Amino acid sequence: MKQYIGLDVSMKETAISIRQDGKRIWRGKCASDPQLLAAVIRKRAPYV
């Protein structure tokens, strides 16, 4: 199972899209803070 993460980064917010086996499994936004981004990615895409 392969997971891919797409990030659309701006100064305030980052849009996140997570795909698994070619299908989007989660899409959301969070503040553009490295610690918050890492936490969201670990929670939503544990196999990356």
PDB file of N, CA and C in Angstrom:
ATOM      1  N   MET A   1       0.842  -1.156   0.000  1.00  0.00           N
ATOM      2  CA  MET A   1       0.000   0.000   0.000  1.00  0.00           C
ATOM      3  C   MET A   1       0.898   1.233   0.000  1.00  0.00           C
ATOM      4  N   LYS A   2       0.804   2.035  -1.051  1.00  0.00           N
ATOM      5  CA  LYS A   2       1.600   3.249  -1.162  1.00  0.00           C
ATOM      6  C   LYS A   2       0.727   4.452  -0.843  1.00  0.00           C
ATOM      7  N   GLN A   3       1.272   5.361  -0.075  1.00  0.00           N
ATOM      8  CA  GLN A   3       0.581   6.599   0.245  1.00  0.00           C
ATOM      9  C   GLN A   3       1.426   7.765  -0.245  1.00  0.00           C
ATOM     10  N   TYR A   4       0.737   8.781  -0.768  1.00  0.00           N
ATOM     11  CA  TYR A   4       1.390   9.991  -1.254  1.00  0.00           C
ATOM     12  C   TYR A   4       0.718  11.187  -0.612  1.00  0.00           C
ATOM     13  N   ILE A   5       1.497  12.227  -0.370  1.00  0.00           N
ATOM     14  CA  ILE A   5       0.978  13.436   0.255  1.00  0.00           C
ATOM     15  C   ILE A   5       1.251  14.613  -0.657  1.00  0.00           C
ATOM     16  N   GLY A   6       0.203  15.412  -0.896  1.00  0.00           N
ATOM     17  CA  GLY A   6       0.340  16.651  -1.643  1.00  0.00           C
ATOM     18  C   GLY A   6       0.121  17.820  -0.702  1.00  0.00           C
ATOM     19  N   LEU A   7       0.974  18.836  -0.791  1.00  0.00           N
ATOM     20  CA  LEU A   7       0.873  20.011   0.065  1.00  0.00           C
ATOM     21  C   LEU A   7       0.776  21.265  -0.792  1.00  0.00           C
ATOM     22  N   ASP A   8      -0.162  22.124  -0.457  1.00  0.00           N
ATOM     23  CA  ASP A   8      -0.284  23.445  -1.086  1.00  0.00           C
ATOM     24  C   ASP A   8      -0.067  24.450   0.035  1.00  0.00           C
ATOM     25  N   VAL A   9       1.131  25.020   0.081  1.00  0.00           N
ATOM     26  CA  VAL A   9       1.567  25.806   1.227  1.00  0.00           C
ATOM     27  C   VAL A   9       1.396  27.298   0.975  1.00  0.00           C
ATOM     28  N   SER A  10       0.850  28.001   1.970  1.00  0.00           N
ATOM     29  CA  SER A  10       0.840  29.463   1.981  1.00  0.00           C
ATOM     30  C   SER A  10       1.374  29.903   3.343  1.00  0.00           C
ATOM     31  N   MET A  11       1.441  31.178   3.580  1.00  0.00           N
ATOM     32  CA  MET A  11       2.001  31.671   4.843  1.00  0.00           C
ATOM     33  C   MET A  11       1.156  31.272   6.054  1.00  0.00           C
ATOM     34  N   LYS A  12      -0.177  31.254   5.904  1.00  0.00           N
ATOM     35  CA  LYS A  12      -1.049  30.983   7.050  1.00  0.00           C
ATOM     36  C   LYS A  12      -1.551  29.551   7.114  1.00  0.00           C
ATOM     37  N   GLU A  13      -1.928  28.969   5.957  1.00  0.00           N
ATOM     38  CA  GLU A  13      -2.535  27.648   5.923  1.00  0.00           C
ATOM     39  C   GLU A  13      -1.860  26.748   4.903  1.00  0.00           C
ATOM     40  N   THR A  14      -1.933  25.461   5.159  1.00  0.00           N
ATOM     41  CA  THR A  14      -1.452  24.471   4.210  1.00  0.00           C
ATOM     42  C   THR A  14      -2.580  23.486   3.932  1.00  0.00           C
ATOM     43  N   ALA A  15      -2.890  23.319   2.651  1.00  0.00           N
ATOM     44  CA  ALA A  15      -3.878  22.321   2.246  1.00  0.00           C
ATOM     45  C   ALA A  15      -3.144  21.007   2.058  1.00  0.00           C
ATOM     46  N   ILE A  16      -3.737  19.932   2.569  1.00  0.00           N
ATOM     47  CA  ILE A  16      -3.104  18.614   2.531  1.00  0.00           C
ATOM     48  C   ILE A  16      -4.032  17.633   1.830  1.00  0.00           C
ATOM     49  N   SER A  17      -3.480  16.854   0.921  1.00  0.00           N
ATOM     50  CA  SER A  17      -4.227  15.799   0.240  1.00  0.00           C
ATOM     51  C   SER A  17      -3.417  14.509   0.367  1.00  0.00           C
ATOM     52  N   ILE A  18      -4.074  13.451   0.854  1.00  0.00           N
ATOM     53  CA  ILE A  18      -3.398  12.169   1.024  1.00  0.00           C
ATOM     54  C   ILE A  18      -4.062  11.146   0.118  1.00  0.00           C
ATOM     55  N   ARG A  19      -3.236  10.478  -0.671  1.00  0.00           N
ATOM     56  CA  ARG A  19      -3.723   9.453  -1.600  1.00  0.00           C
ATOM     57  C   ARG A  19      -3.127   8.106  -1.244  1.00  0.00           C
ATOM     58  N   GLN A  20      -3.934   7.091  -1.441  1.00  0.00           N
ATOM     59  CA  GLN A  20      -3.489   5.717  -1.212  1.00  0.00           C
ATOM     60  C   GLN A  20      -3.953   4.873  -2.377  1.00  0.00           C
ATOM     61  N   ASP A  21      -3.002   4.200  -3.012  1.00  0.00           N
ATOM     62  CA  ASP A  21      -3.306   3.366  -4.178  1.00  0.00           C
ATOM     63  C   ASP A  21      -4.099   4.123  -5.236  1.00  0.00           C
ATOM     64  N   GLY A  22      -3.747   5.408  -5.445  1.00  0.00           N
ATOM     65  CA  GLY A  22      -4.371   6.209  -6.486  1.00  0.00           C
ATOM     66  C   GLY A  22      -5.678   6.882  -6.112  1.00  0.00           C
ATOM     67  N   LYS A  23      -6.197   6.642  -4.921  1.00  0.00           N
ATOM     68  CA  LYS A  23      -7.472   7.244  -4.501  1.00  0.00           C
ATOM     69  C   LYS A  23      -7.236   8.180  -3.322  1.00  0.00           C
ATOM     70  N   ARG A  24      -7.922   9.315  -3.358  1.00  0.00           N
ATOM     71  CA  ARG A  24      -7.795  10.260  -2.249  1.00  0.00           C
ATOM     72  C   ARG A  24      -8.504   9.689  -1.028  1.00  0.00           C
ATOM     73  N   ILE A  25      -7.775   9.597   0.081  1.00  0.00           N
ATOM     74  CA  ILE A  25      -8.376   9.061   1.294  1.00  0.00           C
ATOM     75  C   ILE A  25      -8.632  10.140   2.340  1.00  0.00           C
ATOM     76  N   TRP A  26      -7.983  11.311   2.173  1.00  0.00           N
ATOM     77  CA  TRP A  26      -8.225  12.404   3.113  1.00  0.00           C
ATOM     78  C   TRP A  26      -7.777  13.716   2.493  1.00  0.00           C
ATOM     79  N   ARG A  27      -8.538  14.770   2.790  1.00  0.00           N
ATOM     80  CA  ARG A  27      -8.174  16.122   2.341  1.00  0.00           C
ATOM     81  C   ARG A  27      -8.556  17.081   3.455  1.00  0.00           C
ATOM     82  N   GLY A  28      -7.667  18.010   3.769  1.00  0.00           N
ATOM     83  CA  GLY A  28      -7.949  18.974   4.819  1.00  0.00           C
ATOM     84  C   GLY A  28      -6.939  20.101   4.820  1.00  0.00           C
ATOM     85  N   LYS A  29      -7.051  20.959   5.830  1.00  0.00           N
ATOM     86  CA  LYS A  29      -6.163  22.110   5.980  1.00  0.00           C
ATOM     87  C   LYS A  29      -5.718  22.208   7.429  1.00  0.00           C
ATOM     88  N   CYS A  30      -4.553  22.817   7.614  1.00  0.00           N
ATOM     89  CA  CYS A  30      -4.103  23.157   8.956  1.00  0.00           C
ATOM     90  C   CYS A  30      -3.186  24.372   8.844  1.00  0.00           C
ATOM     91  N   ALA A  31      -2.841  24.914   9.977  1.00  0.00           N
ATOM     92  CA  ALA A  31      -1.935  26.066   9.994  1.00  0.00           C
ATOM     93  C   ALA A  31      -0.574  25.647   9.431  1.00  0.00           C
ATOM     94  N   SER A  32       0.113  26.586   8.816  1.00  0.00           N
ATOM     95  CA  SER A  32       1.432  26.305   8.224  1.00  0.00           C
ATOM     96  C   SER A  32       2.516  26.317   9.297  1.00  0.00           C
ATOM     97  N   ASP A  33       2.398  25.420  10.213  1.00  0.00           N
ATOM     98  CA  ASP A  33       3.349  25.253  11.302  1.00  0.00           C
ATOM     99  C   ASP A  33       3.950  23.853  11.170  1.00  0.00           C
ATOM    100  N   PRO A  34       5.268  23.738  11.139  1.00  0.00           N
ATOM    101  CA  PRO A  34       5.890  22.427  10.917  1.00  0.00           C
ATOM    102  C   PRO A  34       5.442  21.346  11.896  1.00  0.00           C
ATOM    103  N   GLN A  35       5.280  21.681  13.155  1.00  0.00           N
ATOM    104  CA  GLN A  35       4.864  20.684  14.144  1.00  0.00           C
ATOM    105  C   GLN A  35       3.430  20.226  13.899  1.00  0.00           C
ATOM    106  N   LEU A  36       2.533  21.151  13.550  1.00  0.00           N
ATOM    107  CA  LEU A  36       1.149  20.774  13.255  1.00  0.00           C
ATOM    108  C   LEU A  36       1.062  19.935  11.993  1.00  0.00           C
ATOM    109  N   LEU A  37       1.811  20.322  10.976  1.00  0.00           N
ATOM    110  CA  LEU A  37       1.822  19.541   9.734  1.00  0.00           C
ATOM    111  C   LEU A  37       2.307  18.115   9.984  1.00  0.00           C
ATOM    112  N   ALA A  38       3.375  17.981  10.750  1.00  0.00           N
ATOM    113  CA  ALA A  38       3.905  16.654  11.054  1.00  0.00           C
ATOM    114  C   ALA A  38       2.883  15.816  11.814  1.00  0.00           C
ATOM    115  N   ALA A  39       2.183  16.418  12.765  1.00  0.00           N
ATOM    116  CA  ALA A  39       1.179  15.687  13.544  1.00  0.00           C
ATOM    117  C   ALA A  39       0.030  15.213  12.665  1.00  0.00           C
ATOM    118  N   VAL A  40      -0.447  16.077  11.777  1.00  0.00           N
ATOM    119  CA  VAL A  40      -1.549  15.699  10.881  1.00  0.00           C
ATOM    120  C   VAL A  40      -1.111  14.579   9.945  1.00  0.00           C
ATOM    121  N   ILE A  41       0.081  14.706   9.391  1.00  0.00           N
ATOM    122  CA  ILE A  41       0.569  13.683   8.460  1.00  0.00           C
ATOM    123  C   ILE A  41       0.755  12.343   9.175  1.00  0.00           C
ATOM    124  N   ARG A  42       1.298  12.361  10.383  1.00  0.00           N
ATOM    125  CA  ARG A  42       1.466  11.109  11.133  1.00  0.00           C
ATOM    126  C   ARG A  42       0.126  10.458  11.436  1.00  0.00           C
ATOM    127  N   LYS A  43      -0.868  11.266  11.744  1.00  0.00           N
ATOM    128  CA  LYS A  43      -2.194  10.730  12.075  1.00  0.00           C
ATOM    129  C   LYS A  43      -2.914  10.182  10.839  1.00  0.00           C
ATOM    130  N   ARG A  44      -2.889  10.925   9.751  1.00  0.00           N
ATOM    131  CA  ARG A  44      -3.678  10.576   8.561  1.00  0.00           C
ATOM    132  C   ARG A  44      -2.955   9.672   7.577  1.00  0.00           C
ATOM    133  N   ALA A  45      -1.627   9.679   7.584  1.00  0.00           N
ATOM    134  CA  ALA A  45      -0.860   8.862   6.633  1.00  0.00           C
ATOM    135  C   ALA A  45       0.251   8.110   7.365  1.00  0.00           C
ATOM    136  N   PRO A  46      -0.093   7.172   8.226  1.00  0.00           N
ATOM    137  CA  PRO A  46       0.935   6.504   9.033  1.00  0.00           C
ATOM    138  C   PRO A  46       1.890   5.618   8.237  1.00  0.00           C
ATOM    139  N   TYR A  47       1.568   5.299   6.979  1.00  0.00           N
ATOM    140  CA  TYR A  47       2.400   4.397   6.192  1.00  0.00           C
ATOM    141  C   TYR A  47       3.398   5.107   5.292  1.00  0.00           C
ATOM    142  N   VAL A  48       3.470   6.442   5.383  1.00  0.00           N
ATOM    143  CA  VAL A  48       4.400   7.198   4.546  1.00  0.00           C
ATOM    144  C   VAL A  48       5.772   7.152   5.155  1.00  0.00           C
TER     145      VAL A  48
END
